[in-house]
Each structure stands twice: as structure tokens, then as C-alpha cells.
C-alpha atoms as a PDB file:
ATOM      1  CA  MET A   1     124.461  87.692 111.842  1.00  0.00           C
ATOM      2  CA  THR A   2     126.055  88.821 115.049  1.00  0.00           C
ATOM      3  CA  GLU A   3     124.111  89.970 118.068  1.00  0.00           C
ATOM      4  CA  ALA A   4     125.699  93.439 117.797  1.00  0.00           C
ATOM      5  CA  LEU A   5     124.172  93.896 114.347  1.00  0.00           C
ATOM      6  CA  VAL A   6     120.709  92.979 115.580  1.00  0.00           C
ATOM      7  CA  LEU A   7     120.934  95.420 118.477  1.00  0.00           C
ATOM      8  CA  ASN A   8     122.303  98.136 116.248  1.00  0.00           C
ATOM      9  CA  THR A   9     119.392  97.703 113.819  1.00  0.00           C
ATOM     10  CA  THR A  10     116.814  97.968 116.611  1.00  0.00           C
ATOM     11  CA  ARG A  11     118.374 101.187 117.908  1.00  0.00           C
ATOM     12  CA  ARG A  12     118.385 102.702 114.433  1.00  0.00           C
ATOM     13  CA  LEU A  13     114.724 101.931 113.913  1.00  0.00           C
ATOM     14  CA  VAL A  14     113.700 104.174 116.756  1.00  0.00           C
ATOM     15  CA  HIS A  15     115.778 107.249 115.939  1.00  0.00           C
ATOM     16  CA  GLN A  16     112.577 109.329 116.097  1.00  0.00           C
ATOM     17  CA  ALA A  17     111.654 107.796 119.446  1.00  0.00           C
ATOM     18  CA  PRO A  18     114.812 107.753 121.590  1.00  0.00           C
ATOM     19  CA  SER A  19     113.205 107.055 124.980  1.00  0.00           C
ATOM     20  CA  SER A  20     111.350 104.009 123.699  1.00  0.00           C
ATOM     21  CA  SER A  21     112.266 100.784 121.972  1.00  0.00           C
ATOM     22  CA  LEU A  22     110.256  98.808 119.524  1.00  0.00           C
ATOM     23  CA  PRO A  23     108.724  95.581 120.784  1.00  0.00           C
ATOM     24  CA  PRO A  24     110.660  92.499 119.621  1.00  0.00           C
ATOM     25  CA  MET A  25     109.517  91.302 116.209  1.00  0.00           C
ATOM     26  CA  PRO A  26     107.445  88.108 116.454  1.00  0.00           C
ATOM     27  CA  TRP A  27     107.715  87.210 112.767  1.00  0.00           C
ATOM     28  CA  ARG A  28     111.067  85.531 112.418  1.00  0.00           C
ATOM     29  CA  ASP A  29     108.793  82.891 110.889  1.00  0.00           C
ATOM     30  CA  PRO A  30     105.447  84.502 110.058  1.00  0.00           C
ATOM     31  CA  HIS A  31     103.709  81.116 109.754  1.00  0.00           C
ATOM     32  CA  ASN A  32     104.302  80.350 113.433  1.00  0.00           C
ATOM     33  CA  VAL A  33     103.085  83.619 114.976  1.00  0.00           C
ATOM     34  CA  SER A  34      99.950  83.187 117.043  1.00  0.00           C
ATOM     35  CA  SER A  35      97.109  85.558 116.281  1.00  0.00           C
ATOM     36  CA  THR A  36      96.937  86.795 119.907  1.00  0.00           C
ATOM     37  CA  GLU A  37     100.664  87.553 119.964  1.00  0.00           C
ATOM     38  CA  LEU A  38     100.348  89.370 116.658  1.00  0.00           C
ATOM     39  CA  ALA A  39      97.330  91.340 117.851  1.00  0.00           C
ATOM     40  CA  THR A  40      99.240  92.389 120.959  1.00  0.00           C
ATOM     41  CA  TYR A  41     102.193  93.449 118.827  1.00  0.00           C
ATOM     42  CA  ILE A  42      99.935  95.481 116.513  1.00  0.00           C
ATOM     43  CA  GLU A  43      98.384  97.241 119.544  1.00  0.00           C
ATOM     44  CA  GLN A  44     101.872  98.081 120.847  1.00  0.00           C
ATOM     45  CA  LEU A  45     102.888  99.479 117.472  1.00  0.00           C
ATOM     46  CA  GLU A  46      99.694 101.527 117.199  1.00  0.00           C
ATOM     47  CA  GLN A  47     100.461 103.005 120.621  1.00  0.00           C
ATOM     48  CA  GLU A  48     104.016 103.772 119.463  1.00  0.00           C
ATOM     49  CA  CYS A  49     102.554 105.518 116.377  1.00  0.00           C
ATOM     50  CA  LEU A  50     100.429 107.712 118.651  1.00  0.00           C
ATOM     51  CA  GLU A  51     103.371 108.524 120.888  1.00  0.00           C
ATOM     52  CA  TYR A  52     105.781 109.199 117.977  1.00  0.00           C
ATOM     53  CA  PRO A  53     103.735 110.385 114.986  1.00  0.00           C
ATOM     54  CA  LEU A  54     106.873 111.386 113.023  1.00  0.00           C
ATOM     55  CA  SER A  55     108.476 107.946 113.129  1.00  0.00           C
ATOM     56  CA  ALA A  56     108.307 106.364 109.694  1.00  0.00           C
ATOM     57  CA  ASP A  57     110.103 103.275 111.023  1.00  0.00           C
ATOM     58  CA  VAL A  58     107.361 102.507 113.541  1.00  0.00           C
ATOM     59  CA  ARG A  59     104.695 102.964 110.894  1.00  0.00           C
ATOM     60  CA  THR A  60     106.625 100.675 108.572  1.00  0.00           C
ATOM     61  CA  CYS A  61     106.736  97.982 111.272  1.00  0.00           C
ATOM     62  CA  LEU A  62     103.013  98.459 111.759  1.00  0.00           C
ATOM     63  CA  GLY A  63     102.436  97.988 108.036  1.00  0.00           C
ATOM     64  CA  ILE A  64     104.484  94.784 108.084  1.00  0.00           C
ATOM     65  CA  ALA A  65     102.546  93.526 111.101  1.00  0.00           C
ATOM     66  CA  HIS A  66      99.221  94.169 109.389  1.00  0.00           C
ATOM     67  CA  ALA A  67     100.508  92.384 106.276  1.00  0.00           C
ATOM     68  CA  VAL A  68     101.509  89.361 108.354  1.00  0.00           C
ATOM     69  CA  ASN A  69      97.977  89.512 109.833  1.00  0.00           C
ATOM     70  CA  HIS A  70      96.562  89.426 106.259  1.00  0.00           C
ATOM     71  CA  ASP A  71      94.997  92.879 106.638  1.00  0.00           C
ATOM     72  CA  VAL A  72      95.954  94.452 103.321  1.00  0.00           C
ATOM     73  CA  TYR A  73      94.095  97.748 103.646  1.00  0.00           C
ATOM     74  CA  LYS A  74      95.511  98.599 107.057  1.00  0.00           C
ATOM     75  CA  SER A  75      98.962  97.547 105.858  1.00  0.00           C
ATOM     76  CA  MET A  76      98.712  99.796 102.809  1.00  0.00           C
ATOM     77  CA  ASP A  77      97.484 102.706 104.949  1.00  0.00           C
ATOM     78  CA  ALA A  78     100.350 102.331 107.444  1.00  0.00           C
ATOM     79  CA  LEU A  79     102.972 102.118 104.698  1.00  0.00           C
ATOM     80  CA  GLU A  80     101.524 105.108 102.879  1.00  0.00           C
ATOM     81  CA  GLU A  81     101.592 107.085 106.128  1.00  0.00           C
ATOM     82  CA  ALA A  82     105.215 106.056 106.665  1.00  0.00           C
ATOM     83  CA  ARG A  83     106.088 107.300 103.190  1.00  0.00           C
ATOM     84  CA  ALA A  84     104.213 110.542 103.813  1.00  0.00           C
ATOM     85  CA  VAL A  85     105.943 111.139 107.159  1.00  0.00           C
ATOM     86  CA  GLU A  86     109.409 110.510 105.728  1.00  0.00           C
ATOM     87  CA  PRO A  87     109.435 110.374 101.906  1.00  0.00           C
ATOM     88  CA  GLU A  88     113.148 109.474 101.834  1.00  0.00           C
ATOM     89  CA  ASN A  89     112.769 106.385 104.046  1.00  0.00           C
ATOM     90  CA  PHE A  90     114.165 103.412 102.116  1.00  0.00           C
ATOM     91  CA  TRP A  91     112.487 100.690 104.189  1.00  0.00           C
ATOM     92  CA  ALA A  92     109.025 102.246 104.018  1.00  0.00           C
ATOM     93  CA  GLN A  93     109.386 102.542 100.248  1.00  0.00           C
ATOM     94  CA  LEU A  94     110.729  99.018  99.822  1.00  0.00           C
ATOM     95  CA  LYS A  95     107.976  97.448 101.915  1.00  0.00           C
ATOM     96  CA  TYR A  96     105.350  99.477 100.043  1.00  0.00           C
ATOM     97  CA  ALA A  97     106.705  98.097  96.770  1.00  0.00           C
ATOM     98  CA  GLU A  98     106.800  94.588  98.246  1.00  0.00           C
ATOM     99  CA  LEU A  99     103.164  94.827  99.295  1.00  0.00           C
ATOM    100  CA  HIS A 100     102.199  95.712  95.721  1.00  0.00           C
ATOM    101  CA  TYR A 101     104.352  92.855  94.481  1.00  0.00           C
ATOM    102  CA  ARG A 102     102.602  90.377  96.766  1.00  0.00           C
ATOM    103  CA  LEU A 103      99.237  91.719  95.623  1.00  0.00           C
ATOM    104  CA  ARG A 104     100.411  91.162  92.036  1.00  0.00           C
ATOM    105  CA  ALA A 105     100.000  94.827  91.101  1.00  0.00           C
ATOM    106  CA  LEU A 106     103.230  94.397  89.228  1.00  0.00           C
ATOM    107  CA  ASN A 107     103.339  97.667  87.256  1.00  0.00           C
ATOM    108  CA  LYS A 108     102.868  99.717  90.458  1.00  0.00           C
ATOM    109  CA  ALA A 109     105.313  97.449  92.295  1.00  0.00           C
ATOM    110  CA  GLU A 110     107.980  98.074  89.664  1.00  0.00           C
ATOM    111  CA  ILE A 111     107.539 101.859  89.893  1.00  0.00           C
ATOM    112  CA  GLU A 112     107.750 101.804  93.686  1.00  0.00           C
ATOM    113  CA  ALA A 113     110.718  99.416  93.728  1.00  0.00           C
ATOM    114  CA  ARG A 114     112.559 101.642  91.264  1.00  0.00           C
ATOM    115  CA  ARG A 115     112.024 104.529  93.673  1.00  0.00           C
ATOM    116  CA  ALA A 116     113.389 102.340  96.485  1.00  0.00           C
ATOM    117  CA  THR A 117     116.573 101.752  94.480  1.00  0.00           C
ATOM    118  CA  GLU A 118     116.927 105.516  94.202  1.00  0.00           C
ATOM    119  CA  LEU A 119     116.595 105.853  97.980  1.00  0.00           C
ATOM    120  CA  ALA A 120     119.149 103.156  98.804  1.00  0.00           C
ATOM    121  CA  GLN A 121     121.922 104.534 100.999  1.00  0.00           C
ATOM    122  CA  ASN A 122     124.385 101.636 101.033  1.00  0.00           C
ATOM    123  CA  PRO A 123     125.250  98.574  98.919  1.00  0.00           C
ATOM    124  CA  PHE A 124     123.145  96.270 101.105  1.00  0.00           C
ATOM    125  CA  GLN A 125     119.974  98.284 100.572  1.00  0.00           C
ATOM    126  CA  LEU A 126     120.725  98.630  96.878  1.00  0.00           C
ATOM    127  CA  ALA A 127     121.184  94.842  96.566  1.00  0.00           C
ATOM    128  CA  ILE A 128     117.846  94.206  98.277  1.00  0.00           C
ATOM    129  CA  ALA A 129     116.024  96.701  96.055  1.00  0.00           C
ATOM    130  CA  ARG A 130     117.622  95.276  92.906  1.00  0.00           C
ATOM    131  CA  LYS A 131     116.678  91.750  93.929  1.00  0.00           C
ATOM    132  CA  GLN A 132     113.090  92.901  94.386  1.00  0.00           C
ATOM    133  CA  MET A 133     113.176  94.570  90.964  1.00  0.00           C
ATOM    134  CA  LYS A 134     114.532  91.354  89.435  1.00  0.00           C
ATOM    135  CA  ASP A 135     111.754  89.286  91.029  1.00  0.00           C
ATOM    136  CA  ILE A 136     109.097  91.735  89.835  1.00  0.00           C
ATOM    137  CA  ARG A 137     110.423  91.666  86.288  1.00  0.00           C
ATOM    138  CA  GLU A 138     110.607  87.893  86.247  1.00  0.00           C
ATOM    139  CA  LEU A 139     107.033  87.647  87.432  1.00  0.00           C
ATOM    140  CA  LYS A 140     105.896  90.262  84.902  1.00  0.00           C
ATOM    141  CA  HIS A 141     107.542  88.230  82.162  1.00  0.00           C
ATOM    142  CA  THR A 142     105.783  84.984  83.117  1.00  0.00           C
ATOM    143  CA  CYS A 143     102.549  86.349  84.567  1.00  0.00           C
ATOM    144  CA  VAL A 144      99.254  86.591  82.745  1.00  0.00           C
ATOM    145  CA  ARG A 145      97.811  89.180  85.152  1.00  0.00           C
ATOM    146  CA  ASN A 146      99.900  92.020  83.802  1.00  0.00           C
ATOM    147  CA  VAL A 147      97.045  94.159  82.475  1.00  0.00           C
ATOM    148  CA  GLU A 148      96.321  97.778  83.212  1.00  0.00           C
ATOM    149  CA  TRP A 149      92.674  98.731  82.864  1.00  0.00           C
ATOM    150  CA  ASN A 150      93.133 102.169  81.354  1.00  0.00           C
ATOM    151  CA  LYS A 151      90.630 101.883  78.449  1.00  0.00           C
ATOM    152  CA  PRO A 152      86.899 102.503  78.824  1.00  0.00           C
ATOM    153  CA  LEU A 153      84.648  99.462  78.401  1.00  0.00           C
ATOM    154  CA  THR A 154      81.612 101.480  77.303  1.00  0.00           C
ATOM    155  CA  THR A 155      81.810 100.636  73.577  1.00  0.00           C
ATOM    156  CA  PRO A 156      82.292  96.881  74.027  1.00  0.00           C
ATOM    157  CA  ALA A 157      79.457  96.793  76.571  1.00  0.00           C
ATOM    158  CA  ILE A 158      77.069  98.595  74.209  1.00  0.00           C
ATOM    159  CA  VAL A 159      78.016  96.318  71.295  1.00  0.00           C
ATOM    160  CA  PHE A 160      77.527  93.215  73.447  1.00  0.00           C
ATOM    161  CA  SER A 161      74.130  94.506  74.660  1.00  0.00           C
ATOM    162  CA  LEU A 162      72.962  95.260  71.101  1.00  0.00           C
ATOM    163  CA  THR A 163      74.053  91.797  70.009  1.00  0.00           C
ATOM    164  CA  ILE A 164      72.009  90.182  72.796  1.00  0.00           C
ATOM    165  CA  VAL A 165      68.985  92.333  71.905  1.00  0.00           C
ATOM    166  CA  ALA A 166      69.341  91.426  68.215  1.00  0.00           C
ATOM    167  CA  MET A 167      69.552  87.720  69.032  1.00  0.00           C
ATOM    168  CA  PHE A 168      66.451  88.007  71.215  1.00  0.00           C
ATOM    169  CA  ALA A 169      64.549  89.816  68.435  1.00  0.00           C
ATOM    170  CA  ILE A 170      65.542  87.166  65.879  1.00  0.00           C
ATOM    171  CA  MET A 171      64.437  84.376  68.235  1.00  0.00           C
ATOM    172  CA  LEU A 172      61.050  86.054  68.815  1.00  0.00           C
ATOM    173  CA  TRP A 173      60.542  86.577  65.064  1.00  0.00           C
ATOM    174  CA  ARG A 174      60.832  82.881  64.279  1.00  0.00           C
END
């Protein structure tokens, strides 16, 4: 990757905030980022979010930073806000799908990744979204945790309780 591409990407990320620039990303390797450096970066991004509330890119970066910091709920909130601010933002949608993928909510991840493929604006973005879809489908095929809890458990719970009561009554009778 050339230096011109990196600079061009950084400028594009702040199209909503032209007078500011995003802090440099500390997670080239997320395993080597110190917690203090990450906390400082998150504070800077939160300040950017306050200054530029309509920037989905800044909120997406904040969601990624929270994910690197292992704070799932804040990451989910930031990515949902990014999607709400700019529903057609490919990167916010892709990272939202990726977060669900990493949480192994595979059915939701597949739905969100499919939407990201619809939002792709160039072949590079489309390739990334398709790769994510492929990974999700491979994991769904081999994964045991692919269950949606959409049925009530009332009847099985009642039957189980009655069985326990019946066994207790039989044991007392003897």
C-alpha cells in the first residue's frame, strides 16, 4: 500500500469534519496496543463525536476502538449510532456485521453483511463484504451455536416441573 493511499483514506474518513483529522489509528496490531493509549484514543474519538455529530465515520472508528478494548456494548451502541446517522455508510454496516460475527450471532451477522454487500460502492468494498459473507456461511455450516430462540419454553418447563413433582410424590409414597 502506498503512502498516498493511506493519506487519501484518512481524508475521506473525515468528510463530515473538514477542519479536523482523525487521530492516527493505534491498532495496526490490536494485540500490542496499550490500554492507556487505547483509552486516550477513545476519549479523542468521543470528543470528535461531540464536535461532529453527523459523522458516521468517526462513530464507526469509535465502535472499532471499543471493540478492540473488549467493550461490546459501547461498540454496538457506537456502530448503531453510525448506521442511524448515515444509513448508507458501507463501513459502518460492515463493522456492525463483523461485530455480530465475532459475537457468533451468525444469523444476524449474515443479514447485516448482506446489507453491506448492497451498500458496496466499488469492487474492493464488494470483495470485502463477500469475503465476510463467505466466512459467516462457513462458520454457520460448522458451528453448533446456530440456534434462534424463537419458541416459548413454557410447555417444556411445565412438563419438566410436573415430572419432578410426580417423582417426588412417588418417592414419598414408598
